Amino acid sequence: MSLFFFVLIVALATYFTLRYRRRVEGEALRPAPHHPLWLEVTWVVIPTLLVLVIFVWGFRGYLRLSIVPAEAYEVKVNGQKWFWSFDYAEGAAVVNEMVVPVGRNVKLLLSSKDVIHSFFVPAFRIKKDVLPNRYSIAWFHATQVGEYDLYCTEYCGSKHSAMLGKVKVVGEREFADWLDAASSAGEGMTPEEYGAKLYQSKACYTCHSLDGSPGNGPTFKGIFGHDVKLADGRSVMVDENYIRESILTPTAKVVAGFQPIMPTYQGLLKDREIDALVAFLKGLK
């Protein structure tokens, strides 16, 4: 329709420009002819009908996007600097990789723990602002198994471009198996092994290296049992209590040379997970 009217209007404008151009210098203007009533009614009624059709068509699409089906499976999504976390009713909690079943409606209950983020999955044609102190709602129906890119499209700080994730769409049986495994994560593993897994799955690596190189936060290499200088001039021993406090209240004792930008993991980590991370850091020589 856009192409039709583009060609029509440009063609008519070109024709009128050539047909009614002034041919003789100083030629007197002639009075405009009377406009037929049928022509004026036609060019008002037809565009009005087209706009109404497009409005109804678009509004129905808007309603489909906005109203979540009653039987949709719900996933709680949290955005914070600079990662995504996903909580499932069955107890599973993962970071930066949301796993969902294929062929089912999935409802997303989104909120932010700090600033405005924006949840964007291009393959699903969904983008929703994620705001602090309120919930946003979106939903989708994935029809193909696979992995799909997830982005934050609202500038949220220095690591905004690294706030990446995946949406993994799997079969119903595989989803059920994954949900059982994720809900009982860490079973059969030593605390150090479970802590190493959490270091990856909770995205600690985005700010804290294991090779001694500084990032947005201090390296974890050999940090346990040593004194670190704080931003306020004090020194403190890195022990179990310091690590726990830094995970739950990261701005309480900020290491000198680094900004207080680490988000709190209060409510995101269970005591067993914190214990595993402590055990992992203690083993890093």
Protein backbone atom coordinates (compact mmCIF):
# COMPACT_ATOMS: atom_id res chain seq x y z
CA MET A 1 0.00 0.00 0.00
CA SER A 2 2.87 2.37 0.81
CA LEU A 3 4.51 1.59 -2.53
CA PHE A 4 1.23 2.17 -4.41
CA PHE A 5 0.63 5.60 -2.91
CA PHE A 6 4.29 6.59 -3.23
CA VAL A 7 4.23 5.89 -6.98
CA LEU A 8 0.82 7.52 -7.40
CA ILE A 9 1.72 10.74 -5.57
CA VAL A 10 5.15 11.16 -7.16
CA ALA A 11 3.73 10.45 -10.62
CA LEU A 12 0.91 12.98 -10.18
CA ALA A 13 3.24 15.61 -8.72
CA THR A 14 5.62 15.16 -11.67
CA TYR A 15 2.78 15.34 -14.18
CA PHE A 16 1.26 18.48 -12.63
CA THR A 17 4.68 20.15 -12.45
CA LEU A 18 5.24 19.60 -16.17
CA ARG A 19 1.66 20.18 -17.30
CA TYR A 20 1.01 23.43 -15.42
CA ARG A 21 4.43 25.01 -15.38
CA ARG A 22 4.72 28.66 -16.50
CA ARG A 23 5.71 28.65 -20.16
CA VAL A 24 5.81 32.39 -20.90
CA GLU A 25 7.50 35.04 -18.74
CA GLY A 26 4.89 37.33 -17.19
CA GLU A 27 2.01 35.02 -18.08
CA ALA A 28 -1.12 35.96 -16.12
CA LEU A 29 -2.46 33.47 -13.61
CA ARG A 30 -5.74 31.87 -14.46
CA PRO A 31 -8.38 31.25 -11.80
CA ALA A 32 -8.41 27.75 -10.36
CA PRO A 33 -11.20 25.51 -11.63
CA HIS A 34 -14.06 24.52 -9.34
CA HIS A 35 -13.33 21.37 -7.29
CA PRO A 36 -15.90 18.64 -7.88
CA LEU A 37 -17.62 17.52 -4.67
CA TRP A 38 -17.16 13.83 -5.54
CA LEU A 39 -13.39 14.31 -5.78
CA GLU A 40 -13.12 16.00 -2.38
CA VAL A 41 -15.31 13.33 -0.75
CA THR A 42 -13.22 10.58 -2.35
CA TRP A 43 -9.85 11.83 -1.14
CA VAL A 44 -11.22 12.24 2.39
CA VAL A 45 -13.16 8.97 2.69
CA ILE A 46 -10.58 6.58 1.20
CA PRO A 47 -7.63 7.68 3.42
CA THR A 48 -9.94 7.69 6.46
CA LEU A 49 -11.03 4.11 5.77
CA LEU A 50 -7.42 3.02 5.23
CA VAL A 51 -6.31 4.64 8.51
CA LEU A 52 -9.16 2.93 10.39
CA VAL A 53 -8.23 -0.46 8.93
CA ILE A 54 -4.57 0.03 9.89
CA PHE A 55 -5.58 1.17 13.39
CA VAL A 56 -7.75 -1.89 14.04
CA TRP A 57 -5.08 -4.18 12.59
CA GLY A 58 -2.35 -2.61 14.71
CA PHE A 59 -4.43 -2.44 17.88
CA ARG A 60 -5.26 -6.14 17.65
CA GLY A 61 -1.54 -6.85 17.33
CA TYR A 62 -0.85 -4.61 20.34
CA LEU A 63 -3.41 -6.52 22.41
CA ARG A 64 -1.83 -9.84 21.45
CA LEU A 65 1.55 -8.54 22.63
CA SER A 66 0.21 -7.01 25.85
CA ILE A 67 -2.25 -9.62 27.18
CA VAL A 68 -0.50 -12.71 28.50
CA PRO A 69 -2.32 -16.03 27.96
CA ALA A 70 -3.71 -17.41 31.20
CA GLU A 71 -1.80 -20.72 31.04
CA ALA A 72 1.64 -19.18 30.38
CA TYR A 73 4.68 -20.52 32.24
CA GLU A 74 6.17 -17.73 34.36
CA VAL A 75 9.84 -16.82 34.78
CA LYS A 76 11.00 -13.97 37.05
CA VAL A 77 13.65 -11.83 35.33
CA ASN A 78 15.95 -9.45 37.20
CA GLY A 79 18.22 -6.97 35.50
CA GLN A 80 21.15 -5.39 37.29
CA LYS A 81 24.59 -4.05 36.46
CA TRP A 82 25.58 -5.96 34.42
CA PHE A 83 23.82 -9.28 34.03
CA TRP A 84 20.42 -10.94 33.85
CA SER A 85 19.18 -13.41 36.47
CA PHE A 86 16.24 -15.77 36.08
CA ASP A 87 14.23 -17.33 38.90
CA TYR A 88 11.86 -20.26 38.43
CA ALA A 89 9.00 -21.24 40.72
CA GLU A 90 10.54 -24.71 41.13
CA GLY A 91 13.60 -23.14 42.81
CA ALA A 92 16.04 -22.94 39.92
CA ALA A 93 18.03 -19.71 39.63
CA VAL A 94 20.41 -19.01 36.75
CA VAL A 95 22.33 -16.07 35.33
CA ASN A 96 22.54 -14.90 31.72
CA GLU A 97 20.94 -18.03 30.25
CA MET A 98 17.19 -18.47 30.42
CA VAL A 99 15.97 -21.97 29.53
CA VAL A 100 12.37 -22.34 28.33
CA PRO A 101 10.30 -25.12 26.72
CA VAL A 102 9.46 -25.02 23.04
CA GLY A 103 5.84 -24.66 22.02
CA ARG A 104 4.63 -23.10 25.29
CA ASN A 105 3.63 -19.57 26.19
CA VAL A 106 6.22 -18.04 28.54
CA LYS A 107 5.43 -15.03 30.73
CA LEU A 108 8.28 -12.79 31.87
CA LEU A 109 7.91 -10.80 35.08
CA LEU A 110 10.69 -8.24 34.79
CA SER A 111 12.20 -5.82 37.29
CA SER A 112 15.50 -4.04 37.91
CA LYS A 113 17.61 -3.87 41.05
CA ASP A 114 19.35 -0.60 40.16
CA VAL A 115 18.85 1.42 36.96
CA ILE A 116 16.69 1.15 33.85
CA HIS A 117 17.56 -1.80 31.61
CA SER A 118 15.80 -3.08 28.51
CA PHE A 119 15.16 -6.76 27.78
CA PHE A 120 15.53 -7.43 24.05
CA VAL A 121 15.42 -10.75 22.16
CA PRO A 122 15.51 -9.86 18.45
CA ALA A 123 14.53 -13.34 17.26
CA PHE A 124 11.32 -13.20 19.33
CA ARG A 125 10.50 -9.59 18.38
CA ILE A 126 10.14 -8.59 22.04
CA LYS A 127 11.72 -5.61 23.78
CA LYS A 128 10.60 -4.35 27.17
CA ASP A 129 12.00 -1.71 29.51
CA VAL A 130 13.00 -3.14 32.91
CA LEU A 131 12.45 -0.57 35.65
CA PRO A 132 13.47 -0.39 39.32
CA ASN A 133 10.71 -0.58 41.96
CA ARG A 134 8.05 -1.89 39.58
CA TYR A 135 7.21 -4.86 37.39
CA SER A 136 7.05 -5.00 33.60
CA ILE A 137 5.41 -7.90 31.81
CA ALA A 138 6.18 -9.49 28.45
CA TRP A 139 5.54 -12.88 26.91
CA PHE A 140 6.55 -15.00 23.94
CA HIS A 141 5.89 -18.36 22.31
CA ALA A 142 9.06 -19.98 20.98
CA THR A 143 8.42 -22.32 18.06
CA GLN A 144 11.94 -23.57 17.30
CA VAL A 145 14.56 -25.25 19.48
CA GLY A 146 17.84 -23.32 19.63
CA GLU A 147 19.82 -20.56 21.34
CA TYR A 148 18.84 -16.92 20.83
CA ASP A 149 20.72 -13.74 21.74
CA LEU A 150 19.54 -11.56 24.61
CA TYR A 151 20.64 -7.92 24.92
CA CYS A 152 20.17 -4.92 27.15
CA THR A 153 19.22 -2.00 24.89
CA GLU A 154 19.07 0.75 27.53
CA TYR A 155 22.45 2.32 28.38
CA CYS A 156 23.08 1.29 31.99
CA GLY A 157 26.73 2.08 32.68
CA SER A 158 30.26 1.22 31.66
CA LYS A 159 29.61 -2.51 31.09
CA HIS A 160 26.33 -2.01 29.23
CA SER A 161 27.70 -3.57 26.05
CA ALA A 162 28.74 -6.69 27.98
CA MET A 163 25.27 -7.26 29.46
CA LEU A 164 24.61 -10.18 27.15
CA GLY A 165 22.71 -13.39 27.61
CA LYS A 166 21.07 -16.32 25.88
CA VAL A 167 17.56 -17.72 25.68
CA LYS A 168 17.84 -21.47 25.25
CA VAL A 169 14.72 -23.14 23.86
CA VAL A 170 14.57 -26.91 24.48
CA GLY A 171 12.07 -29.75 24.22
CA GLU A 172 9.58 -30.46 27.02
CA ARG A 173 11.46 -33.53 28.32
CA GLU A 174 14.82 -31.76 28.21
CA PHE A 175 13.32 -28.76 30.00
CA ALA A 176 11.92 -30.96 32.76
CA ASP A 177 15.31 -32.64 33.21
CA TRP A 178 17.10 -29.29 33.25
CA LEU A 179 14.65 -27.89 35.79
CA ASP A 180 15.21 -30.84 38.12
CA ALA A 181 18.99 -30.51 37.83
CA ALA A 182 18.99 -26.72 38.24
CA SER A 183 16.70 -26.90 41.27
CA SER A 184 19.16 -29.25 43.01
CA ALA A 185 22.37 -27.61 41.76
CA GLY A 186 25.60 -28.56 43.51
CA GLU A 187 24.55 -32.01 44.67
CA GLY A 188 27.39 -34.50 44.40
CA MET A 189 30.01 -31.73 44.08
CA THR A 190 32.59 -30.52 46.57
CA PRO A 191 32.17 -26.94 47.83
CA GLU A 192 35.20 -25.86 45.77
CA GLU A 193 33.81 -27.45 42.60
CA TYR A 194 30.39 -25.93 43.18
CA GLY A 195 32.00 -22.52 43.85
CA ALA A 196 33.95 -22.75 40.59
CA LYS A 197 30.67 -23.46 38.78
CA LEU A 198 28.97 -20.53 40.48
CA TYR A 199 31.89 -18.25 39.54
CA GLN A 200 30.89 -18.88 35.92
CA SER A 201 27.11 -19.21 36.20
CA LYS A 202 26.68 -16.10 38.37
CA ALA A 203 28.88 -14.06 36.02
CA CYS A 204 31.54 -13.20 38.61
CA TYR A 205 34.12 -13.47 35.81
CA THR A 206 32.81 -10.31 34.16
CA CYS A 207 34.52 -8.18 36.84
CA HIS A 208 36.88 -10.46 38.80
CA SER A 209 39.67 -12.35 37.03
CA LEU A 210 41.53 -15.46 38.20
CA ASP A 211 44.87 -14.61 36.58
CA GLY A 212 45.81 -11.52 38.56
CA SER A 213 44.67 -8.93 36.01
CA PRO A 214 42.38 -6.21 37.40
CA GLY A 215 38.95 -5.64 35.92
CA ASN A 216 36.05 -3.59 37.17
CA GLY A 217 36.78 -5.33 40.47
CA PRO A 218 39.92 -6.76 42.09
CA THR A 219 41.27 -10.11 40.92
CA PHE A 220 40.44 -13.22 42.96
CA LYS A 221 43.89 -14.73 42.46
CA GLY A 222 45.55 -15.32 45.82
CA ILE A 223 43.34 -12.77 47.57
CA PHE A 224 42.23 -14.95 50.49
CA GLY A 225 44.24 -14.53 53.68
CA HIS A 226 45.89 -11.29 52.58
CA ASP A 227 45.32 -7.69 53.59
CA VAL A 228 43.73 -5.31 51.11
CA LYS A 229 43.68 -1.55 51.33
CA LEU A 230 40.25 0.03 51.29
CA ALA A 231 39.12 3.25 49.65
CA ASP A 232 38.79 4.95 53.06
CA GLY A 233 42.46 4.25 53.91
CA ARG A 234 41.89 1.28 56.19
CA SER A 235 43.24 -2.21 55.62
CA VAL A 236 41.29 -5.39 56.15
CA MET A 237 42.07 -9.09 56.06
CA VAL A 238 40.26 -11.06 53.33
CA ASP A 239 38.64 -13.85 55.31
CA GLU A 240 35.33 -15.70 55.21
CA ASN A 241 33.39 -12.86 56.81
CA TYR A 242 34.88 -10.24 54.47
CA ILE A 243 33.93 -12.31 51.41
CA ARG A 244 30.39 -12.87 52.67
CA GLU A 245 29.95 -9.17 53.46
CA SER A 246 31.34 -8.18 50.06
CA ILE A 247 28.82 -10.46 48.33
CA LEU A 248 25.78 -9.28 50.28
CA THR A 249 26.81 -5.65 51.00
CA PRO A 250 29.45 -4.86 48.38
CA THR A 251 29.66 -1.14 49.14
CA ALA A 252 30.52 -1.64 52.80
CA LYS A 253 34.27 -2.10 52.25
CA VAL A 254 35.39 -1.05 48.77
CA VAL A 255 38.95 -1.90 47.74
CA ALA A 256 41.09 1.15 46.94
CA GLY A 257 41.34 1.93 43.25
CA PHE A 258 37.93 0.53 42.36
CA GLN A 259 34.50 2.10 42.06
CA PRO A 260 31.58 0.95 44.27
CA ILE A 261 29.69 -0.49 41.32
CA MET A 262 29.22 -4.11 42.36
CA PRO A 263 25.53 -5.05 42.77
CA THR A 264 24.32 -6.83 45.86
CA TYR A 265 23.58 -10.53 45.66
CA GLN A 266 21.23 -10.33 48.62
CA GLY A 267 18.33 -12.63 47.79
CA LEU A 268 20.10 -14.04 44.73
CA LEU A 269 22.40 -16.48 46.52
CA LYS A 270 21.53 -19.08 49.11
CA ASP A 271 23.80 -19.63 52.13
CA ARG A 272 25.06 -22.86 50.56
CA GLU A 273 26.06 -20.99 47.43
CA ILE A 274 27.89 -18.30 49.42
CA ASP A 275 29.73 -21.03 51.35
CA ALA A 276 30.74 -22.63 48.05
CA LEU A 277 32.09 -19.35 46.69
CA VAL A 278 34.09 -18.81 49.88
CA ALA A 279 35.56 -22.30 49.55
CA PHE A 280 36.43 -21.61 45.90
CA LEU A 281 38.23 -18.34 46.74
CA LYS A 282 40.14 -19.98 49.57
CA GLY A 283 41.55 -22.46 47.08
CA LEU A 284 42.85 -19.87 44.63
CA LYS A 285 46.61 -19.59 45.24
